Amino acid sequence: AVVSTQSTGKHADLISKNCPDKRLVMSLSNSMEPMGMLSQQLNIIASVKAAACGKYDESAEVEADEMLTINAQNLMKSVRDTVRASESCSVKIDSAGNNLKFKRR
């Protein structure tokens, strides 16, 4: 999760530096902000869960699964918002005549 969010953040940062619309840049910046924190939290929760697997009662296991799922969903939402904001900035960059373009894979 850390590597893919770093890659997404790096590409989004490049796009934000070339976008002429300050409102879109702010939107992109706001959507990128929680990615690093959520990625770190996901890593920590997964590591703790892996280390404690089978050591606690079933209710603690279920709670850990729920925390892991919620964190992963929040991270995915942040990445999705960043990709959408990057696409908006890319359209603005393209209309301004720059040759930096957003390409979905």
N, C-alpha and C. Protein backbone atom coordinates (compact mmCIF):
# COMPACT_ATOMS: atom_id res chain seq x y z
N ALA A 1 0.82 -1.19 0.00
CA ALA A 1 0.00 0.00 0.00
C ALA A 1 0.86 1.25 0.00
N VAL A 2 1.99 1.19 0.73
CA VAL A 2 2.85 2.37 0.83
C VAL A 2 3.44 2.74 -0.53
N VAL A 3 3.92 1.75 -1.27
CA VAL A 3 4.56 2.02 -2.55
C VAL A 3 3.58 2.61 -3.55
N SER A 4 2.38 2.04 -3.64
CA SER A 4 1.41 2.55 -4.62
C SER A 4 0.91 3.93 -4.25
N THR A 5 0.75 4.24 -2.96
CA THR A 5 0.32 5.58 -2.59
C THR A 5 1.43 6.59 -2.82
N GLN A 6 2.68 6.17 -2.62
CA GLN A 6 3.80 7.07 -2.90
C GLN A 6 3.87 7.38 -4.38
N SER A 7 3.66 6.37 -5.21
CA SER A 7 3.66 6.57 -6.66
C SER A 7 2.52 7.48 -7.09
N THR A 8 1.33 7.24 -6.55
CA THR A 8 0.18 8.07 -6.88
C THR A 8 0.44 9.51 -6.43
N GLY A 9 0.98 9.67 -5.23
CA GLY A 9 1.29 11.00 -4.72
C GLY A 9 2.34 11.72 -5.56
N LYS A 10 3.35 10.99 -6.01
CA LYS A 10 4.40 11.58 -6.83
C LYS A 10 3.84 12.10 -8.16
N HIS A 11 3.00 11.30 -8.80
CA HIS A 11 2.41 11.71 -10.07
C HIS A 11 1.43 12.88 -9.87
N ALA A 12 0.66 12.82 -8.80
CA ALA A 12 -0.29 13.90 -8.52
C ALA A 12 0.45 15.20 -8.22
N ASP A 13 1.57 15.10 -7.52
CA ASP A 13 2.37 16.29 -7.21
C ASP A 13 2.91 16.92 -8.49
N LEU A 14 3.37 16.12 -9.42
CA LEU A 14 3.85 16.62 -10.71
C LEU A 14 2.73 17.34 -11.45
N ILE A 15 1.56 16.75 -11.45
CA ILE A 15 0.42 17.37 -12.13
C ILE A 15 0.04 18.68 -11.45
N SER A 16 0.03 18.69 -10.12
CA SER A 16 -0.36 19.92 -9.40
C SER A 16 0.61 21.07 -9.65
N LYS A 17 1.87 20.77 -9.86
CA LYS A 17 2.86 21.81 -10.12
C LYS A 17 2.68 22.46 -11.49
N ASN A 18 2.02 21.75 -12.40
CA ASN A 18 1.83 22.27 -13.75
C ASN A 18 0.43 22.80 -14.02
N CYS A 19 -0.44 22.71 -13.03
CA CYS A 19 -1.82 23.14 -13.23
C CYS A 19 -1.94 24.65 -13.00
N PRO A 20 -2.54 25.37 -13.96
CA PRO A 20 -2.67 26.82 -13.81
C PRO A 20 -3.83 27.25 -12.91
N ASP A 21 -4.76 26.35 -12.60
CA ASP A 21 -5.95 26.68 -11.81
C ASP A 21 -5.68 26.42 -10.33
N LYS A 22 -5.59 27.46 -9.53
CA LYS A 22 -5.25 27.33 -8.11
C LYS A 22 -6.33 26.57 -7.32
N ARG A 23 -7.58 26.71 -7.72
CA ARG A 23 -8.66 26.00 -7.05
C ARG A 23 -8.51 24.49 -7.24
N LEU A 24 -8.18 24.07 -8.45
CA LEU A 24 -7.98 22.65 -8.72
C LEU A 24 -6.74 22.12 -8.00
N VAL A 25 -5.70 22.95 -7.94
CA VAL A 25 -4.47 22.56 -7.23
C VAL A 25 -4.78 22.35 -5.74
N MET A 26 -5.59 23.24 -5.17
CA MET A 26 -5.95 23.11 -3.76
C MET A 26 -6.78 21.85 -3.53
N SER A 27 -7.69 21.57 -4.43
CA SER A 27 -8.51 20.36 -4.34
C SER A 27 -7.62 19.11 -4.41
N LEU A 28 -6.67 19.11 -5.32
CA LEU A 28 -5.75 17.98 -5.45
C LEU A 28 -4.89 17.83 -4.21
N SER A 29 -4.41 18.94 -3.70
CA SER A 29 -3.59 18.90 -2.48
C SER A 29 -4.38 18.35 -1.30
N ASN A 30 -5.63 18.77 -1.16
CA ASN A 30 -6.48 18.29 -0.07
C ASN A 30 -6.78 16.80 -0.19
N SER A 31 -6.91 16.31 -1.41
CA SER A 31 -7.20 14.88 -1.59
C SER A 31 -5.95 14.03 -1.38
N MET A 32 -4.76 14.59 -1.62
CA MET A 32 -3.51 13.85 -1.44
C MET A 32 -3.10 13.75 0.03
N GLU A 33 -3.50 14.73 0.82
CA GLU A 33 -3.03 14.86 2.19
C GLU A 33 -3.20 13.60 3.06
N PRO A 34 -4.38 12.97 3.09
CA PRO A 34 -4.54 11.83 4.00
C PRO A 34 -3.91 10.52 3.52
N MET A 35 -3.45 10.46 2.28
CA MET A 35 -2.95 9.19 1.75
C MET A 35 -1.77 8.63 2.54
N GLY A 36 -0.80 9.45 2.87
CA GLY A 36 0.38 8.97 3.58
C GLY A 36 0.03 8.44 4.96
N MET A 37 -0.79 9.19 5.68
CA MET A 37 -1.18 8.79 7.03
C MET A 37 -1.99 7.48 6.98
N LEU A 38 -2.93 7.40 6.08
CA LEU A 38 -3.76 6.19 5.98
C LEU A 38 -2.93 4.98 5.57
N SER A 39 -1.98 5.19 4.70
CA SER A 39 -1.11 4.11 4.27
C SER A 39 -0.28 3.58 5.44
N GLN A 40 0.27 4.48 6.23
CA GLN A 40 1.04 4.08 7.41
C GLN A 40 0.16 3.36 8.42
N GLN A 41 -1.05 3.88 8.66
CA GLN A 41 -1.97 3.23 9.59
C GLN A 41 -2.31 1.82 9.12
N LEU A 42 -2.54 1.67 7.83
CA LEU A 42 -2.87 0.36 7.28
C LEU A 42 -1.71 -0.61 7.50
N ASN A 43 -0.50 -0.15 7.28
CA ASN A 43 0.68 -0.99 7.51
C ASN A 43 0.79 -1.41 8.97
N ILE A 44 0.58 -0.48 9.88
CA ILE A 44 0.68 -0.77 11.31
C ILE A 44 -0.39 -1.76 11.74
N ILE A 45 -1.63 -1.50 11.33
CA ILE A 45 -2.74 -2.39 11.71
C ILE A 45 -2.51 -3.80 11.17
N ALA A 46 -2.06 -3.89 9.92
CA ALA A 46 -1.81 -5.20 9.32
C ALA A 46 -0.68 -5.94 10.04
N SER A 47 0.37 -5.21 10.41
CA SER A 47 1.49 -5.83 11.13
C SER A 47 1.07 -6.34 12.50
N VAL A 48 0.31 -5.52 13.22
CA VAL A 48 -0.15 -5.92 14.55
C VAL A 48 -1.08 -7.12 14.44
N LYS A 49 -1.97 -7.08 13.46
CA LYS A 49 -2.91 -8.19 13.27
C LYS A 49 -2.16 -9.48 12.94
N ALA A 50 -1.16 -9.38 12.08
CA ALA A 50 -0.39 -10.56 11.70
C ALA A 50 0.38 -11.13 12.90
N ALA A 51 0.93 -10.24 13.71
CA ALA A 51 1.70 -10.69 14.88
C ALA A 51 0.81 -11.29 15.96
N ALA A 52 -0.44 -10.80 16.06
CA ALA A 52 -1.33 -11.24 17.14
C ALA A 52 -2.33 -12.30 16.68
N CYS A 53 -2.17 -12.77 15.47
CA CYS A 53 -3.13 -13.74 14.92
C CYS A 53 -3.21 -14.99 15.80
N GLY A 54 -4.40 -15.28 16.30
CA GLY A 54 -4.63 -16.46 17.11
C GLY A 54 -4.32 -16.30 18.59
N LYS A 55 -3.81 -15.14 19.01
CA LYS A 55 -3.44 -14.95 20.40
C LYS A 55 -4.56 -14.38 21.25
N TYR A 56 -5.59 -13.84 20.60
CA TYR A 56 -6.68 -13.20 21.33
C TYR A 56 -8.00 -13.88 21.01
N ASP A 57 -9.03 -13.50 21.73
CA ASP A 57 -10.34 -14.12 21.50
C ASP A 57 -10.94 -13.66 20.17
N GLU A 58 -11.99 -14.30 19.80
CA GLU A 58 -12.59 -14.07 18.48
C GLU A 58 -13.12 -12.64 18.32
N SER A 59 -13.66 -12.04 19.37
CA SER A 59 -14.19 -10.68 19.26
C SER A 59 -13.07 -9.67 18.95
N ALA A 60 -11.90 -9.88 19.51
CA ALA A 60 -10.76 -9.00 19.21
C ALA A 60 -10.31 -9.18 17.77
N GLU A 61 -10.36 -10.41 17.29
CA GLU A 61 -10.00 -10.68 15.88
C GLU A 61 -10.97 -9.99 14.93
N VAL A 62 -12.26 -10.06 15.25
CA VAL A 62 -13.29 -9.44 14.42
C VAL A 62 -13.10 -7.92 14.42
N GLU A 63 -12.83 -7.36 15.58
CA GLU A 63 -12.61 -5.92 15.68
C GLU A 63 -11.38 -5.49 14.86
N ALA A 64 -10.33 -6.27 14.92
CA ALA A 64 -9.12 -5.97 14.14
C ALA A 64 -9.42 -6.04 12.64
N ASP A 65 -10.21 -7.03 12.23
CA ASP A 65 -10.60 -7.14 10.82
C ASP A 65 -11.41 -5.92 10.37
N GLU A 66 -12.31 -5.47 11.25
CA GLU A 66 -13.13 -4.30 10.92
C GLU A 66 -12.26 -3.05 10.79
N MET A 67 -11.30 -2.88 11.71
CA MET A 67 -10.40 -1.72 11.64
C MET A 67 -9.58 -1.76 10.35
N LEU A 68 -9.11 -2.93 10.00
CA LEU A 68 -8.32 -3.10 8.78
C LEU A 68 -9.16 -2.76 7.55
N THR A 69 -10.39 -3.25 7.53
CA THR A 69 -11.28 -3.00 6.40
C THR A 69 -11.62 -1.52 6.27
N ILE A 70 -11.97 -0.89 7.37
CA ILE A 70 -12.33 0.53 7.34
C ILE A 70 -11.15 1.38 6.89
N ASN A 71 -9.96 1.07 7.39
CA ASN A 71 -8.78 1.82 6.99
C ASN A 71 -8.48 1.64 5.51
N ALA A 72 -8.61 0.42 5.02
CA ALA A 72 -8.36 0.16 3.60
C ALA A 72 -9.38 0.90 2.73
N GLN A 73 -10.64 0.95 3.18
CA GLN A 73 -11.66 1.68 2.43
C GLN A 73 -11.36 3.18 2.41
N ASN A 74 -10.93 3.72 3.54
CA ASN A 74 -10.58 5.14 3.60
C ASN A 74 -9.39 5.46 2.70
N LEU A 75 -8.41 4.57 2.69
CA LEU A 75 -7.25 4.76 1.83
C LEU A 75 -7.67 4.73 0.36
N MET A 76 -8.51 3.78 0.01
CA MET A 76 -8.97 3.68 -1.37
C MET A 76 -9.76 4.92 -1.78
N LYS A 77 -10.58 5.46 -0.88
CA LYS A 77 -11.33 6.68 -1.17
C LYS A 77 -10.38 7.85 -1.41
N SER A 78 -9.34 7.94 -0.60
CA SER A 78 -8.36 9.01 -0.76
C SER A 78 -7.62 8.89 -2.10
N VAL A 79 -7.24 7.68 -2.46
CA VAL A 79 -6.57 7.46 -3.75
C VAL A 79 -7.52 7.79 -4.89
N ARG A 80 -8.77 7.34 -4.79
CA ARG A 80 -9.76 7.62 -5.84
C ARG A 80 -9.97 9.13 -5.99
N ASP A 81 -10.09 9.85 -4.88
CA ASP A 81 -10.27 11.30 -4.94
C ASP A 81 -9.05 11.99 -5.55
N THR A 82 -7.87 11.48 -5.23
CA THR A 82 -6.64 12.04 -5.79
C THR A 82 -6.57 11.83 -7.30
N VAL A 83 -6.95 10.65 -7.75
CA VAL A 83 -6.94 10.36 -9.19
C VAL A 83 -7.94 11.25 -9.91
N ARG A 84 -9.12 11.43 -9.33
CA ARG A 84 -10.13 12.31 -9.95
C ARG A 84 -9.65 13.76 -10.01
N ALA A 85 -9.08 14.24 -8.92
CA ALA A 85 -8.57 15.61 -8.90
C ALA A 85 -7.40 15.77 -9.87
N SER A 86 -6.57 14.74 -10.00
CA SER A 86 -5.46 14.78 -10.95
C SER A 86 -5.98 14.85 -12.38
N GLU A 87 -7.04 14.12 -12.63
CA GLU A 87 -7.64 14.14 -13.97
C GLU A 87 -8.18 15.53 -14.28
N SER A 88 -8.83 16.16 -13.32
CA SER A 88 -9.35 17.52 -13.52
C SER A 88 -8.22 18.50 -13.80
N CYS A 89 -7.15 18.41 -13.03
CA CYS A 89 -5.99 19.27 -13.27
C CYS A 89 -5.38 19.01 -14.64
N SER A 90 -5.33 17.76 -15.01
CA SER A 90 -4.75 17.39 -16.30
C SER A 90 -5.54 17.99 -17.46
N VAL A 91 -6.86 17.99 -17.33
CA VAL A 91 -7.70 18.59 -18.37
C VAL A 91 -7.41 20.09 -18.46
N LYS A 92 -7.25 20.74 -17.32
CA LYS A 92 -6.95 22.17 -17.30
C LYS A 92 -5.57 22.43 -17.90
N ILE A 93 -4.61 21.56 -17.58
CA ILE A 93 -3.26 21.70 -18.14
C ILE A 93 -3.31 21.54 -19.65
N ASP A 94 -4.05 20.56 -20.12
CA ASP A 94 -4.19 20.30 -21.56
C ASP A 94 -4.83 21.49 -22.25
N SER A 95 -5.85 22.09 -21.64
CA SER A 95 -6.52 23.23 -22.26
C SER A 95 -5.65 24.48 -22.24
N ALA A 96 -4.68 24.51 -21.34
CA ALA A 96 -3.76 25.64 -21.27
C ALA A 96 -2.61 25.49 -22.28
N GLY A 97 -2.53 24.34 -22.94
CA GLY A 97 -1.53 24.16 -23.98
C GLY A 97 -0.28 23.42 -23.54
N ASN A 98 -0.21 22.95 -22.32
CA ASN A 98 0.94 22.16 -21.89
C ASN A 98 0.82 20.75 -22.45
N ASN A 99 1.94 20.04 -22.54
CA ASN A 99 1.90 18.69 -23.11
C ASN A 99 1.86 17.59 -22.05
N LEU A 100 1.60 17.94 -20.79
CA LEU A 100 1.47 16.97 -19.72
C LEU A 100 0.03 16.48 -19.70
N LYS A 101 -0.19 15.18 -19.89
CA LYS A 101 -1.54 14.65 -19.99
C LYS A 101 -1.76 13.53 -19.00
N PHE A 102 -2.99 13.43 -18.54
CA PHE A 102 -3.40 12.37 -17.64
C PHE A 102 -3.83 11.18 -18.48
N LYS A 103 -3.30 9.99 -18.19
CA LYS A 103 -3.69 8.77 -18.91
C LYS A 103 -4.11 7.72 -17.92
N ARG A 104 -5.36 7.26 -18.03
CA ARG A 104 -5.82 6.17 -17.18
C ARG A 104 -5.26 4.88 -17.74
N ARG A 105 -4.89 3.99 -16.81
CA ARG A 105 -4.35 2.69 -17.28
C ARG A 105 -5.44 1.68 -17.39
